[in-house]
Amino acid sequence: MFYTEKEIMSQHEALKDTFAYFMEEKPRIEQFFSENPKRKFIILGCGSSYMLAKSAQRALSRYEGTSAAAVAGGDFLLNSDLYDASVRDSIVITLSRSGMTTEIVKAVEFIKENYKCPVISFSMLRENDLSKFSDLELIMDWCYDKSVCQTRTVTNLYAAVLMLAGFYGKDMDLVYNLRVTIEENEALKKKYRADLARIAEKGWKNAAVLADGVPCGIAQEGALAFTEIARIPGRYSNVLDYRHGPMVLNDSETLDIVLIKPGKNEMQKNLAEDLKAKGAVIVTVSCDQSSTYGSDLHIFAGESVRYETWGIVLISVIQILAYEKAIVRGCNPDLPEGLDPYIVF
């Protein structure tokens, strides 16, 4: 068994540990927000973590009086003057698997020296270079991936972001619905894995992931999973925005994975029909028990009524698809050529 397969198929265990950890840390997190009552955030990440920063930005900024910006660590290093107003008087959140990526460490060091902002750091390694700059450190070492491509790590980081946002916004409905999605994750993977393997055997050679709102970042990470794990082009777009340019590349060699938002179903159904007319293979994820979208495979998102939590369903589906496609193509999913777990320079 490849590490990637093991980490995907067992990540429900890590998700349960993550949920329990954050519930234990809830008083400490709430105390941090009580001592730092700012309603302004800047979220830093690199690669997959930057994509998740975009989900964090949307998850936090939905709450009244709150602003948030997601910035790539390297972008900040090269253009720190551009982000002066965004950083000033903000809470800084860093998302990092290792806590040692050079761009993030240097960016946080610069912010601490020049702005004295409080820092919340997420990492999967207990010994890391961000610890000394962190006012609130949240370490989930049970999530660290042995494979180069992030699977279990990003899924748990997304869950962690939702829990942090729920505690910040006093939105326990989000937290409780997240628990529902986590509890259903193992059964979801078992139920759909064979169907997803059959989809992977089809002749598609590129993939597009379409999603909106808070799951946008985890969806973009899903597109990257196709590139890293299966070595095929993966791209991300907002659902309806896909018509505004990217759709010209959609054809019979494209797999489209669409996360359907409840409501406005007719507009989303029309888009799915347009994709089908181009000959694409389509996988839909929604709260509907069965498909009304003409998809080749429909995934029931489960009993959670919070759309944000369906990002975990979406990424689980994508990771299995990417892994199975790698096997079909004869790729080693654990060792993508020219990619390292983290970059230090």
C-alpha atoms as a PDB file:
ATOM      1  CA  MET A   1       0.000   0.000   0.000  1.00  0.00           C
ATOM      2  CA  PHE A   2       1.310   3.456  -0.895  1.00  0.00           C
ATOM      3  CA  TYR A   3       1.543   6.036   1.897  1.00  0.00           C
ATOM      4  CA  THR A   4      -0.857   8.239  -0.074  1.00  0.00           C
ATOM      5  CA  GLU A   5      -3.563   5.579  -0.093  1.00  0.00           C
ATOM      6  CA  LYS A   6      -3.109   4.856   3.601  1.00  0.00           C
ATOM      7  CA  GLU A   7      -3.220   8.540   4.519  1.00  0.00           C
ATOM      8  CA  ILE A   8      -6.358   9.172   2.461  1.00  0.00           C
ATOM      9  CA  MET A   9      -8.249   6.121   3.635  1.00  0.00           C
ATOM     10  CA  SER A  10      -7.372   6.566   7.329  1.00  0.00           C
ATOM     11  CA  GLN A  11      -7.753  10.332   7.582  1.00  0.00           C
ATOM     12  CA  HIS A  12     -11.144  10.005   9.285  1.00  0.00           C
ATOM     13  CA  GLU A  13      -9.192   8.869  12.358  1.00  0.00           C
ATOM     14  CA  ALA A  14      -7.018  11.981  12.242  1.00  0.00           C
ATOM     15  CA  LEU A  15     -10.121  14.153  11.739  1.00  0.00           C
ATOM     16  CA  LYS A  16     -11.663  12.747  14.915  1.00  0.00           C
ATOM     17  CA  ASP A  17      -8.433  13.491  16.793  1.00  0.00           C
ATOM     18  CA  THR A  18      -8.391  17.013  15.371  1.00  0.00           C
ATOM     19  CA  PHE A  19     -11.963  17.659  16.445  1.00  0.00           C
ATOM     20  CA  ALA A  20     -11.250  16.367  19.966  1.00  0.00           C
ATOM     21  CA  TYR A  21      -8.057  18.437  20.183  1.00  0.00           C
ATOM     22  CA  PHE A  22      -9.807  21.668  19.226  1.00  0.00           C
ATOM     23  CA  MET A  23     -12.633  21.057  21.652  1.00  0.00           C
ATOM     24  CA  GLU A  24     -10.002  20.639  24.373  1.00  0.00           C
ATOM     25  CA  GLU A  25      -8.249  23.814  23.202  1.00  0.00           C
ATOM     26  CA  LYS A  26     -11.496  25.818  22.948  1.00  0.00           C
ATOM     27  CA  PRO A  27     -10.965  27.693  26.260  1.00  0.00           C
ATOM     28  CA  ARG A  28      -7.416  28.656  25.244  1.00  0.00           C
ATOM     29  CA  ILE A  29      -8.548  29.798  21.782  1.00  0.00           C
ATOM     30  CA  GLU A  30     -11.426  31.820  23.230  1.00  0.00           C
ATOM     31  CA  GLN A  31      -9.053  33.373  25.754  1.00  0.00           C
ATOM     32  CA  PHE A  32      -6.745  34.401  22.913  1.00  0.00           C
ATOM     33  CA  PHE A  33      -9.588  36.145  21.084  1.00  0.00           C
ATOM     34  CA  SER A  34     -10.695  37.783  24.341  1.00  0.00           C
ATOM     35  CA  GLU A  35      -7.186  39.181  24.857  1.00  0.00           C
ATOM     36  CA  ASN A  36      -6.864  40.125  21.171  1.00  0.00           C
ATOM     37  CA  PRO A  37     -10.274  41.553  20.236  1.00  0.00           C
ATOM     38  CA  LYS A  38      -9.206  42.663  16.755  1.00  0.00           C
ATOM     39  CA  ARG A  39     -11.649  41.884  13.939  1.00  0.00           C
ATOM     40  CA  LYS A  40      -8.997  41.834  11.240  1.00  0.00           C
ATOM     41  CA  PHE A  41      -6.926  38.909   9.993  1.00  0.00           C
ATOM     42  CA  ILE A  42      -4.147  38.199   7.532  1.00  0.00           C
ATOM     43  CA  ILE A  43      -3.667  34.524   6.706  1.00  0.00           C
ATOM     44  CA  LEU A  44      -0.349  33.315   5.296  1.00  0.00           C
ATOM     45  CA  GLY A  45       0.410  30.065   3.512  1.00  0.00           C
ATOM     46  CA  CYS A  46       2.490  28.547   0.719  1.00  0.00           C
ATOM     47  CA  GLY A  47       1.277  26.135  -1.938  1.00  0.00           C
ATOM     48  CA  SER A  48      -1.535  23.995  -0.541  1.00  0.00           C
ATOM     49  CA  SER A  49      -1.547  26.037   2.674  1.00  0.00           C
ATOM     50  CA  TYR A  50      -2.064  29.256   0.721  1.00  0.00           C
ATOM     51  CA  MET A  51      -5.063  27.670  -0.975  1.00  0.00           C
ATOM     52  CA  LEU A  52      -6.463  26.799   2.449  1.00  0.00           C
ATOM     53  CA  ALA A  53      -5.785  30.381   3.536  1.00  0.00           C
ATOM     54  CA  LYS A  54      -8.408  31.409   0.964  1.00  0.00           C
ATOM     55  CA  SER A  55     -10.948  29.172   2.696  1.00  0.00           C
ATOM     56  CA  ALA A  56      -9.915  30.655   6.051  1.00  0.00           C
ATOM     57  CA  GLN A  57     -10.373  34.165   4.681  1.00  0.00           C
ATOM     58  CA  ARG A  58     -13.960  33.414   3.673  1.00  0.00           C
ATOM     59  CA  ALA A  59     -14.736  31.459   6.837  1.00  0.00           C
ATOM     60  CA  LEU A  60     -13.663  34.364   9.072  1.00  0.00           C
ATOM     61  CA  SER A  61     -14.899  37.320   7.034  1.00  0.00           C
ATOM     62  CA  ARG A  62     -18.492  36.051   7.061  1.00  0.00           C
ATOM     63  CA  TYR A  63     -18.813  37.255  10.666  1.00  0.00           C
ATOM     64  CA  GLU A  64     -20.005  40.791  11.312  1.00  0.00           C
ATOM     65  CA  GLY A  65     -17.347  43.483  11.471  1.00  0.00           C
ATOM     66  CA  THR A  66     -14.572  41.117  10.378  1.00  0.00           C
ATOM     67  CA  SER A  67     -12.128  41.566   7.513  1.00  0.00           C
ATOM     68  CA  ALA A  68      -9.576  39.001   6.356  1.00  0.00           C
ATOM     69  CA  ALA A  69      -6.967  38.685   3.617  1.00  0.00           C
ATOM     70  CA  ALA A  70      -5.190  35.579   2.342  1.00  0.00           C
ATOM     71  CA  VAL A  71      -1.617  36.155   1.151  1.00  0.00           C
ATOM     72  CA  ALA A  72       1.008  33.775  -0.213  1.00  0.00           C
ATOM     73  CA  GLY A  73       4.146  33.819   1.923  1.00  0.00           C
ATOM     74  CA  GLY A  74       6.388  34.488  -1.061  1.00  0.00           C
ATOM     75  CA  ASP A  75       4.129  37.296  -2.293  1.00  0.00           C
ATOM     76  CA  PHE A  76       4.403  38.963   1.098  1.00  0.00           C
ATOM     77  CA  LEU A  77       8.205  38.648   1.122  1.00  0.00           C
ATOM     78  CA  LEU A  78       8.496  40.315  -2.274  1.00  0.00           C
ATOM     79  CA  ASN A  79       5.747  42.907  -1.778  1.00  0.00           C
ATOM     80  CA  SER A  80       5.536  43.614   1.950  1.00  0.00           C
ATOM     81  CA  ASP A  81       4.886  47.327   1.349  1.00  0.00           C
ATOM     82  CA  LEU A  82       1.740  46.465  -0.605  1.00  0.00           C
ATOM     83  CA  TYR A  83       0.300  44.690   2.436  1.00  0.00           C
ATOM     84  CA  ASP A  84       1.166  47.336   5.020  1.00  0.00           C
ATOM     85  CA  ALA A  85      -2.463  48.350   5.600  1.00  0.00           C
ATOM     86  CA  SER A  86      -3.625  44.734   5.660  1.00  0.00           C
ATOM     87  CA  VAL A  87      -1.071  43.672   8.278  1.00  0.00           C
ATOM     88  CA  ARG A  88      -1.265  46.693  10.561  1.00  0.00           C
ATOM     89  CA  ASP A  89      -3.399  46.007  13.671  1.00  0.00           C
ATOM     90  CA  SER A  90      -4.293  42.493  12.476  1.00  0.00           C
ATOM     91  CA  ILE A  91      -4.118  38.983  13.848  1.00  0.00           C
ATOM     92  CA  VAL A  92      -1.758  36.885  11.740  1.00  0.00           C
ATOM     93  CA  ILE A  93      -2.629  33.244  11.052  1.00  0.00           C
ATOM     94  CA  THR A  94      -0.050  30.916   9.519  1.00  0.00           C
ATOM     95  CA  LEU A  95      -0.948  27.591   7.932  1.00  0.00           C
ATOM     96  CA  SER A  96       1.968  25.216   7.394  1.00  0.00           C
ATOM     97  CA  ARG A  97       2.517  21.460   7.371  1.00  0.00           C
ATOM     98  CA  SER A  98       6.101  21.728   8.619  1.00  0.00           C
ATOM     99  CA  GLY A  99       6.250  25.167  10.214  1.00  0.00           C
ATOM    100  CA  MET A 100       9.654  25.502   8.536  1.00  0.00           C
ATOM    101  CA  THR A 101       8.916  26.818   5.042  1.00  0.00           C
ATOM    102  CA  THR A 102      11.267  29.738   4.481  1.00  0.00           C
ATOM    103  CA  GLU A 103       8.736  32.192   3.037  1.00  0.00           C
ATOM    104  CA  ILE A 104       6.373  31.798   5.993  1.00  0.00           C
ATOM    105  CA  VAL A 105       9.078  31.951   8.643  1.00  0.00           C
ATOM    106  CA  LYS A 106      10.695  35.062   7.136  1.00  0.00           C
ATOM    107  CA  ALA A 107       7.310  36.755   6.628  1.00  0.00           C
ATOM    108  CA  VAL A 108       6.260  36.168  10.243  1.00  0.00           C
ATOM    109  CA  GLU A 109       9.639  37.303  11.541  1.00  0.00           C
ATOM    110  CA  PHE A 110       9.289  40.532   9.533  1.00  0.00           C
ATOM    111  CA  ILE A 111       5.733  41.098  10.801  1.00  0.00           C
ATOM    112  CA  LYS A 112       6.724  40.529  14.426  1.00  0.00           C
ATOM    113  CA  GLU A 113       9.658  42.933  14.173  1.00  0.00           C
ATOM    114  CA  ASN A 114       7.758  45.684  12.373  1.00  0.00           C
ATOM    115  CA  TYR A 115       4.126  45.349  13.449  1.00  0.00           C
ATOM    116  CA  LYS A 116       4.118  43.350  16.719  1.00  0.00           C
ATOM    117  CA  CYS A 117       0.986  41.485  15.564  1.00  0.00           C
ATOM    118  CA  PRO A 118      -0.273  38.501  17.560  1.00  0.00           C
ATOM    119  CA  VAL A 119       0.273  35.239  15.658  1.00  0.00           C
ATOM    120  CA  ILE A 120      -1.754  32.036  15.529  1.00  0.00           C
ATOM    121  CA  SER A 121       0.262  29.217  13.963  1.00  0.00           C
ATOM    122  CA  PHE A 122      -0.971  25.854  12.701  1.00  0.00           C
ATOM    123  CA  SER A 123       1.616  23.131  12.098  1.00  0.00           C
ATOM    124  CA  MET A 124       1.952  19.365  11.958  1.00  0.00           C
ATOM    125  CA  LEU A 125       5.464  19.239  13.455  1.00  0.00           C
ATOM    126  CA  ARG A 126       6.077  19.816  17.160  1.00  0.00           C
ATOM    127  CA  GLU A 127       9.612  21.080  16.526  1.00  0.00           C
ATOM    128  CA  ASN A 128       9.248  23.928  14.040  1.00  0.00           C
ATOM    129  CA  ASP A 129      10.610  27.384  13.253  1.00  0.00           C
ATOM    130  CA  LEU A 130       7.348  29.275  13.815  1.00  0.00           C
ATOM    131  CA  SER A 131       7.017  28.399  17.499  1.00  0.00           C
ATOM    132  CA  LYS A 132       9.146  31.281  18.734  1.00  0.00           C
ATOM    133  CA  PHE A 133       6.938  33.816  16.933  1.00  0.00           C
ATOM    134  CA  SER A 134       3.592  32.294  17.947  1.00  0.00           C
ATOM    135  CA  ASP A 135       1.223  33.673  20.567  1.00  0.00           C
ATOM    136  CA  LEU A 136      -1.162  30.759  20.025  1.00  0.00           C
ATOM    137  CA  GLU A 137       0.390  27.590  18.635  1.00  0.00           C
ATOM    138  CA  LEU A 138      -1.840  24.748  17.459  1.00  0.00           C
ATOM    139  CA  ILE A 139       0.104  21.581  16.625  1.00  0.00           C
ATOM    140  CA  MET A 140      -1.536  18.534  15.025  1.00  0.00           C
ATOM    141  CA  ASP A 141       1.359  16.118  14.651  1.00  0.00           C
ATOM    142  CA  TRP A 142      -0.980  13.130  14.105  1.00  0.00           C
ATOM    143  CA  CYS A 143      -1.853  14.648  10.708  1.00  0.00           C
ATOM    144  CA  TYR A 144       1.641  14.854   9.222  1.00  0.00           C
ATOM    145  CA  ASP A 145       1.855  13.095   5.839  1.00  0.00           C
ATOM    146  CA  LYS A 146       4.773  10.785   5.086  1.00  0.00           C
ATOM    147  CA  SER A 147       4.075  11.088   1.375  1.00  0.00           C
ATOM    148  CA  VAL A 148       5.223  14.265  -0.372  1.00  0.00           C
ATOM    149  CA  CYS A 149       1.734  15.216  -1.576  1.00  0.00           C
ATOM    150  CA  GLN A 150      -0.471  16.575   1.170  1.00  0.00           C
ATOM    151  CA  THR A 151      -3.709  14.654   1.716  1.00  0.00           C
ATOM    152  CA  ARG A 152      -4.427  13.998   5.403  1.00  0.00           C
ATOM    153  CA  THR A 153      -2.665  17.256   6.306  1.00  0.00           C
ATOM    154  CA  VAL A 154      -4.797  19.544   4.130  1.00  0.00           C
ATOM    155  CA  THR A 155      -8.050  17.827   5.058  1.00  0.00           C
ATOM    156  CA  ASN A 156      -7.300  18.331   8.750  1.00  0.00           C
ATOM    157  CA  LEU A 157      -6.054  21.881   8.253  1.00  0.00           C
ATOM    158  CA  TYR A 158      -9.362  22.684   6.583  1.00  0.00           C
ATOM    159  CA  ALA A 159     -11.261  21.174   9.520  1.00  0.00           C
ATOM    160  CA  ALA A 160      -9.043  23.146  11.915  1.00  0.00           C
ATOM    161  CA  VAL A 161      -9.771  26.377  10.056  1.00  0.00           C
ATOM    162  CA  LEU A 162     -13.513  25.752  10.340  1.00  0.00           C
ATOM    163  CA  MET A 163     -13.235  25.091  14.075  1.00  0.00           C
ATOM    164  CA  LEU A 164     -11.164  28.216  14.652  1.00  0.00           C
ATOM    165  CA  ALA A 165     -13.719  30.251  12.702  1.00  0.00           C
ATOM    166  CA  GLY A 166     -16.575  28.658  14.642  1.00  0.00           C
ATOM    167  CA  PHE A 167     -14.977  29.532  17.983  1.00  0.00           C
ATOM    168  CA  TYR A 168     -14.147  33.062  16.819  1.00  0.00           C
ATOM    169  CA  GLY A 169     -17.652  33.702  15.477  1.00  0.00           C
ATOM    170  CA  LYS A 170     -19.375  31.891  18.368  1.00  0.00           C
ATOM    171  CA  ASP A 171     -20.875  29.709  15.654  1.00  0.00           C
ATOM    172  CA  MET A 172     -21.207  26.334  17.346  1.00  0.00           C
ATOM    173  CA  ASP A 173     -23.713  25.237  14.721  1.00  0.00           C
ATOM    174  CA  LEU A 174     -20.777  25.124  12.292  1.00  0.00           C
ATOM    175  CA  VAL A 175     -18.710  23.095  14.763  1.00  0.00           C
ATOM    176  CA  TYR A 176     -21.478  20.590  15.443  1.00  0.00           C
ATOM    177  CA  ASN A 177     -22.203  20.079  11.741  1.00  0.00           C
ATOM    178  CA  LEU A 178     -18.488  19.615  11.135  1.00  0.00           C
ATOM    179  CA  ARG A 179     -18.581  16.781  13.667  1.00  0.00           C
ATOM    180  CA  VAL A 180     -21.380  15.156  11.635  1.00  0.00           C
ATOM    181  CA  THR A 181     -19.283  15.296   8.461  1.00  0.00           C
ATOM    182  CA  ILE A 182     -16.246  13.890  10.270  1.00  0.00           C
ATOM    183  CA  GLU A 183     -18.247  11.016  11.755  1.00  0.00           C
ATOM    184  CA  GLU A 184     -19.527  10.128   8.258  1.00  0.00           C
ATOM    185  CA  ASN A 185     -16.161  10.309   6.497  1.00  0.00           C
ATOM    186  CA  GLU A 186     -15.111   6.675   6.829  1.00  0.00           C
ATOM    187  CA  ALA A 187     -18.451   5.354   5.560  1.00  0.00           C
ATOM    188  CA  LEU A 188     -18.420   7.858   2.690  1.00  0.00           C
ATOM    189  CA  LYS A 189     -15.049   6.629   1.433  1.00  0.00           C
ATOM    190  CA  LYS A 190     -16.054   2.977   1.685  1.00  0.00           C
ATOM    191  CA  LYS A 191     -19.369   3.607  -0.059  1.00  0.00           C
ATOM    192  CA  TYR A 192     -17.971   5.442  -3.072  1.00  0.00           C
ATOM    193  CA  ARG A 193     -14.415   4.161  -3.535  1.00  0.00           C
ATOM    194  CA  ALA A 194     -15.263   1.476  -6.105  1.00  0.00           C
ATOM    195  CA  ASP A 195     -17.377   3.948  -8.080  1.00  0.00           C
ATOM    196  CA  LEU A 196     -14.560   6.492  -8.001  1.00  0.00           C
ATOM    197  CA  ALA A 197     -12.087   3.848  -9.179  1.00  0.00           C
ATOM    198  CA  ARG A 198     -14.355   3.180 -12.166  1.00  0.00           C
ATOM    199  CA  ILE A 199     -14.435   6.905 -12.948  1.00  0.00           C
ATOM    200  CA  ALA A 200     -10.608   6.957 -12.772  1.00  0.00           C
ATOM    201  CA  GLU A 201     -10.448   4.245 -15.431  1.00  0.00           C
ATOM    202  CA  LYS A 202     -12.214   6.460 -17.956  1.00  0.00           C
ATOM    203  CA  GLY A 203     -10.140   8.265 -20.575  1.00  0.00           C
ATOM    204  CA  TRP A 204     -10.072  11.778 -19.104  1.00  0.00           C
ATOM    205  CA  LYS A 205      -6.675  13.462 -19.130  1.00  0.00           C
ATOM    206  CA  ASN A 206      -7.332  16.683 -17.198  1.00  0.00           C
ATOM    207  CA  ALA A 207      -9.559  17.710 -14.315  1.00  0.00           C
ATOM    208  CA  ALA A 208     -11.503  20.805 -13.285  1.00  0.00           C
ATOM    209  CA  VAL A 209     -12.823  21.354  -9.756  1.00  0.00           C
ATOM    210  CA  LEU A 210     -15.705  23.808  -9.390  1.00  0.00           C
ATOM    211  CA  ALA A 211     -16.835  25.182  -6.021  1.00  0.00           C
ATOM    212  CA  ASP A 212     -17.798  28.442  -4.326  1.00  0.00           C
ATOM    213  CA  GLY A 213     -17.683  30.114  -0.927  1.00  0.00           C
ATOM    214  CA  VAL A 214     -15.668  28.748   1.988  1.00  0.00           C
ATOM    215  CA  PRO A 215     -14.739  25.451   0.226  1.00  0.00           C
ATOM    216  CA  CYS A 216     -13.055  27.387  -2.606  1.00  0.00           C
ATOM    217  CA  GLY A 217      -9.587  26.922  -1.110  1.00  0.00           C
ATOM    218  CA  ILE A 218      -9.890  23.207  -0.426  1.00  0.00           C
ATOM    219  CA  ALA A 219     -11.315  22.837  -3.941  1.00  0.00           C
ATOM    220  CA  GLN A 220      -8.275  24.575  -5.408  1.00  0.00           C
ATOM    221  CA  GLU A 221      -6.081  22.244  -3.381  1.00  0.00           C
ATOM    222  CA  GLY A 222      -8.065  19.373  -4.885  1.00  0.00           C
ATOM    223  CA  ALA A 223      -7.178  20.581  -8.368  1.00  0.00           C
ATOM    224  CA  LEU A 224      -3.524  20.592  -7.303  1.00  0.00           C
ATOM    225  CA  ALA A 225      -3.892  17.004  -6.061  1.00  0.00           C
ATOM    226  CA  PHE A 226      -4.583  15.854  -9.617  1.00  0.00           C
ATOM    227  CA  THR A 227      -1.392  17.585 -10.758  1.00  0.00           C
ATOM    228  CA  GLU A 228       0.819  16.297  -7.944  1.00  0.00           C
ATOM    229  CA  ILE A 229      -0.565  12.802  -7.366  1.00  0.00           C
ATOM    230  CA  ALA A 230      -1.796  11.769 -10.833  1.00  0.00           C
ATOM    231  CA  ARG A 231       0.516  14.051 -12.905  1.00  0.00           C
ATOM    232  CA  ILE A 232      -2.322  15.448 -14.999  1.00  0.00           C
ATOM    233  CA  PRO A 233      -3.397  19.101 -15.343  1.00  0.00           C
ATOM    234  CA  GLY A 234      -5.809  20.169 -12.632  1.00  0.00           C
ATOM    235  CA  ARG A 235      -7.534  23.558 -12.447  1.00  0.00           C
ATOM    236  CA  TYR A 236     -10.046  25.292 -10.193  1.00  0.00           C
ATOM    237  CA  SER A 237     -12.874  27.730 -10.873  1.00  0.00           C
ATOM    238  CA  ASN A 238     -15.944  29.119  -9.188  1.00  0.00           C
ATOM    239  CA  VAL A 239     -18.992  27.226 -10.415  1.00  0.00           C
ATOM    240  CA  LEU A 240     -20.795  29.710 -12.653  1.00  0.00           C
ATOM    241  CA  ASP A 241     -17.593  31.615 -13.394  1.00  0.00           C
ATOM    242  CA  TYR A 242     -16.291  28.560 -15.239  1.00  0.00           C
ATOM    243  CA  ARG A 243     -18.264  29.741 -18.276  1.00  0.00           C
ATOM    244  CA  HIS A 244     -16.209  32.949 -18.393  1.00  0.00           C
ATOM    245  CA  GLY A 245     -13.158  31.577 -20.157  1.00  0.00           C
ATOM    246  CA  PRO A 246     -11.910  28.319 -18.590  1.00  0.00           C
ATOM    247  CA  MET A 247     -14.735  26.307 -20.157  1.00  0.00           C
ATOM    248  CA  VAL A 248     -13.099  26.583 -23.598  1.00  0.00           C
ATOM    249  CA  LEU A 249     -10.684  23.833 -22.476  1.00  0.00           C
ATOM    250  CA  ASN A 250     -13.520  21.543 -21.379  1.00  0.00           C
ATOM    251  CA  ASP A 251     -13.949  18.559 -23.695  1.00  0.00           C
ATOM    252  CA  SER A 252     -14.359  14.780 -23.779  1.00  0.00           C
ATOM    253  CA  GLU A 253     -10.977  14.360 -22.071  1.00  0.00           C
ATOM    254  CA  THR A 254     -12.017  16.453 -19.033  1.00  0.00           C
ATOM    255  CA  LEU A 255     -13.248  15.311 -15.635  1.00  0.00           C
ATOM    256  CA  ASP A 256     -15.414  17.948 -13.934  1.00  0.00           C
ATOM    257  CA  ILE A 257     -16.038  17.707 -10.179  1.00  0.00           C
ATOM    258  CA  VAL A 258     -18.768  20.133  -9.100  1.00  0.00           C
ATOM    259  CA  LEU A 259     -19.730  21.004  -5.517  1.00  0.00           C
ATOM    260  CA  ILE A 260     -23.377  22.038  -5.725  1.00  0.00           C
ATOM    261  CA  LYS A 261     -24.532  24.809  -3.383  1.00  0.00           C
ATOM    262  CA  PRO A 262     -28.073  24.363  -2.030  1.00  0.00           C
ATOM    263  CA  GLY A 263     -30.539  26.713  -3.694  1.00  0.00           C
ATOM    264  CA  LYS A 264     -30.261  28.199  -7.183  1.00  0.00           C
ATOM    265  CA  ASN A 265     -30.243  24.595  -8.393  1.00  0.00           C
ATOM    266  CA  GLU A 266     -31.492  25.453 -11.872  1.00  0.00           C
ATOM    267  CA  MET A 267     -28.459  27.622 -12.678  1.00  0.00           C
ATOM    268  CA  GLN A 268     -26.072  24.927 -11.491  1.00  0.00           C
ATOM    269  CA  LYS A 269     -28.020  22.219 -13.318  1.00  0.00           C
ATOM    270  CA  ASN A 270     -27.801  24.238 -16.529  1.00  0.00           C
ATOM    271  CA  LEU A 271     -24.024  24.456 -16.146  1.00  0.00           C
ATOM    272  CA  ALA A 272     -23.776  20.691 -15.615  1.00  0.00           C
ATOM    273  CA  GLU A 273     -25.791  20.182 -18.803  1.00  0.00           C
ATOM    274  CA  ASP A 274     -23.406  22.479 -20.696  1.00  0.00           C
ATOM    275  CA  LEU A 275     -20.434  20.456 -19.427  1.00  0.00           C
ATOM    276  CA  LYS A 276     -22.110  17.216 -20.431  1.00  0.00           C
ATOM    277  CA  ALA A 277     -22.786  18.588 -23.899  1.00  0.00           C
ATOM    278  CA  LYS A 278     -19.037  18.992 -24.304  1.00  0.00           C
ATOM    279  CA  GLY A 279     -18.552  15.303 -23.573  1.00  0.00           C
ATOM    280  CA  ALA A 280     -17.004  15.701 -20.127  1.00  0.00           C
ATOM    281  CA  VAL A 281     -17.102  13.101 -17.358  1.00  0.00           C
ATOM    282  CA  ILE A 282     -18.957  14.702 -14.432  1.00  0.00           C
ATOM    283  CA  VAL A 283     -18.943  13.992 -10.704  1.00  0.00           C
ATOM    284  CA  THR A 284     -21.317  16.044  -8.558  1.00  0.00           C
ATOM    285  CA  VAL A 285     -21.385  16.461  -4.774  1.00  0.00           C
ATOM    286  CA  SER A 286     -24.504  17.845  -3.101  1.00  0.00           C
ATOM    287  CA  CYS A 287     -27.070  17.416  -0.334  1.00  0.00           C
ATOM    288  CA  ASP A 288     -29.356  15.585  -2.775  1.00  0.00           C
ATOM    289  CA  GLN A 289     -29.708  11.875  -2.111  1.00  0.00           C
ATOM    290  CA  SER A 290     -29.693  11.209  -5.859  1.00  0.00           C
ATOM    291  CA  SER A 291     -28.514  13.185  -8.860  1.00  0.00           C
ATOM    292  CA  THR A 292     -30.674  15.532 -10.874  1.00  0.00           C
ATOM    293  CA  TYR A 293     -27.652  16.907 -12.704  1.00  0.00           C
ATOM    294  CA  GLY A 294     -26.997  14.221 -15.323  1.00  0.00           C
ATOM    295  CA  SER A 295     -23.637  13.402 -13.740  1.00  0.00           C
ATOM    296  CA  ASP A 296     -21.724  10.166 -14.284  1.00  0.00           C
ATOM    297  CA  LEU A 297     -21.428   9.818 -10.508  1.00  0.00           C
ATOM    298  CA  HIS A 298     -23.260  11.671  -7.771  1.00  0.00           C
ATOM    299  CA  ILE A 299     -21.944  11.868  -4.198  1.00  0.00           C
ATOM    300  CA  PHE A 300     -24.339  12.520  -1.325  1.00  0.00           C
ATOM    301  CA  ALA A 301     -22.620  15.061   0.939  1.00  0.00           C
ATOM    302  CA  GLY A 302     -24.222  13.652   4.077  1.00  0.00           C
ATOM    303  CA  GLU A 303     -26.410  14.919   6.888  1.00  0.00           C
ATOM    304  CA  SER A 304     -24.524  18.122   7.707  1.00  0.00           C
ATOM    305  CA  VAL A 305     -26.573  21.195   6.832  1.00  0.00           C
ATOM    306  CA  ARG A 306     -23.541  23.483   6.655  1.00  0.00           C
ATOM    307  CA  TYR A 307     -22.128  23.786   3.147  1.00  0.00           C
ATOM    308  CA  GLU A 308     -18.692  24.702   4.521  1.00  0.00           C
ATOM    309  CA  THR A 309     -18.264  21.217   5.955  1.00  0.00           C
ATOM    310  CA  TRP A 310     -18.869  19.591   2.574  1.00  0.00           C
ATOM    311  CA  GLY A 311     -15.374  20.708   1.625  1.00  0.00           C
ATOM    312  CA  ILE A 312     -14.181  17.626   3.538  1.00  0.00           C
ATOM    313  CA  VAL A 313     -16.444  15.422   1.425  1.00  0.00           C
ATOM    314  CA  LEU A 314     -15.184  17.125  -1.729  1.00  0.00           C
ATOM    315  CA  ILE A 315     -11.488  16.746  -0.935  1.00  0.00           C
ATOM    316  CA  SER A 316     -11.942  13.098   0.094  1.00  0.00           C
ATOM    317  CA  VAL A 317     -13.596  12.361  -3.256  1.00  0.00           C
ATOM    318  CA  ILE A 318     -10.883  14.205  -5.169  1.00  0.00           C
ATOM    319  CA  GLN A 319      -8.009  12.568  -3.306  1.00  0.00           C
ATOM    320  CA  ILE A 320      -9.380   9.088  -4.030  1.00  0.00           C
ATOM    321  CA  LEU A 321      -9.881   9.996  -7.691  1.00  0.00           C
ATOM    322  CA  ALA A 322      -6.359  11.398  -7.978  1.00  0.00           C
ATOM    323  CA  TYR A 323      -4.859   8.336  -6.282  1.00  0.00           C
ATOM    324  CA  GLU A 324      -6.797   5.876  -8.445  1.00  0.00           C
ATOM    325  CA  LYS A 325      -5.871   7.834 -11.582  1.00  0.00           C
ATOM    326  CA  ALA A 326      -2.197   7.670 -10.579  1.00  0.00           C
ATOM    327  CA  ILE A 327      -2.470   3.877 -10.318  1.00  0.00           C
ATOM    328  CA  VAL A 328      -4.193   3.677 -13.722  1.00  0.00           C
ATOM    329  CA  ARG A 329      -1.402   5.791 -15.230  1.00  0.00           C
ATOM    330  CA  GLY A 330       1.388   3.868 -13.519  1.00  0.00           C
ATOM    331  CA  CYS A 331       2.576   6.807 -11.397  1.00  0.00           C
ATOM    332  CA  ASN A 332       4.036   6.555  -7.902  1.00  0.00           C
ATOM    333  CA  PRO A 333       1.601   8.754  -5.926  1.00  0.00           C
ATOM    334  CA  ASP A 334       4.032   9.092  -3.014  1.00  0.00           C
ATOM    335  CA  LEU A 335       6.950  10.563  -4.965  1.00  0.00           C
ATOM    336  CA  PRO A 336       6.059  13.202  -7.559  1.00  0.00           C
ATOM    337  CA  GLU A 337       9.135  14.146  -9.530  1.00  0.00           C
ATOM    338  CA  GLY A 338      10.827  17.384  -8.440  1.00  0.00           C
ATOM    339  CA  LEU A 339       8.603  18.032  -5.424  1.00  0.00           C
ATOM    340  CA  ASP A 340       9.706  18.238  -1.784  1.00  0.00           C
ATOM    341  CA  PRO A 341       7.565  18.143   1.398  1.00  0.00           C
ATOM    342  CA  TYR A 342       8.615  21.700   2.245  1.00  0.00           C
ATOM    343  CA  ILE A 343      10.987  24.249   0.791  1.00  0.00           C
ATOM    344  CA  VAL A 344      13.832  25.856   2.704  1.00  0.00           C
ATOM    345  CA  PHE A 345      16.312  28.250   1.143  1.00  0.00           C
END
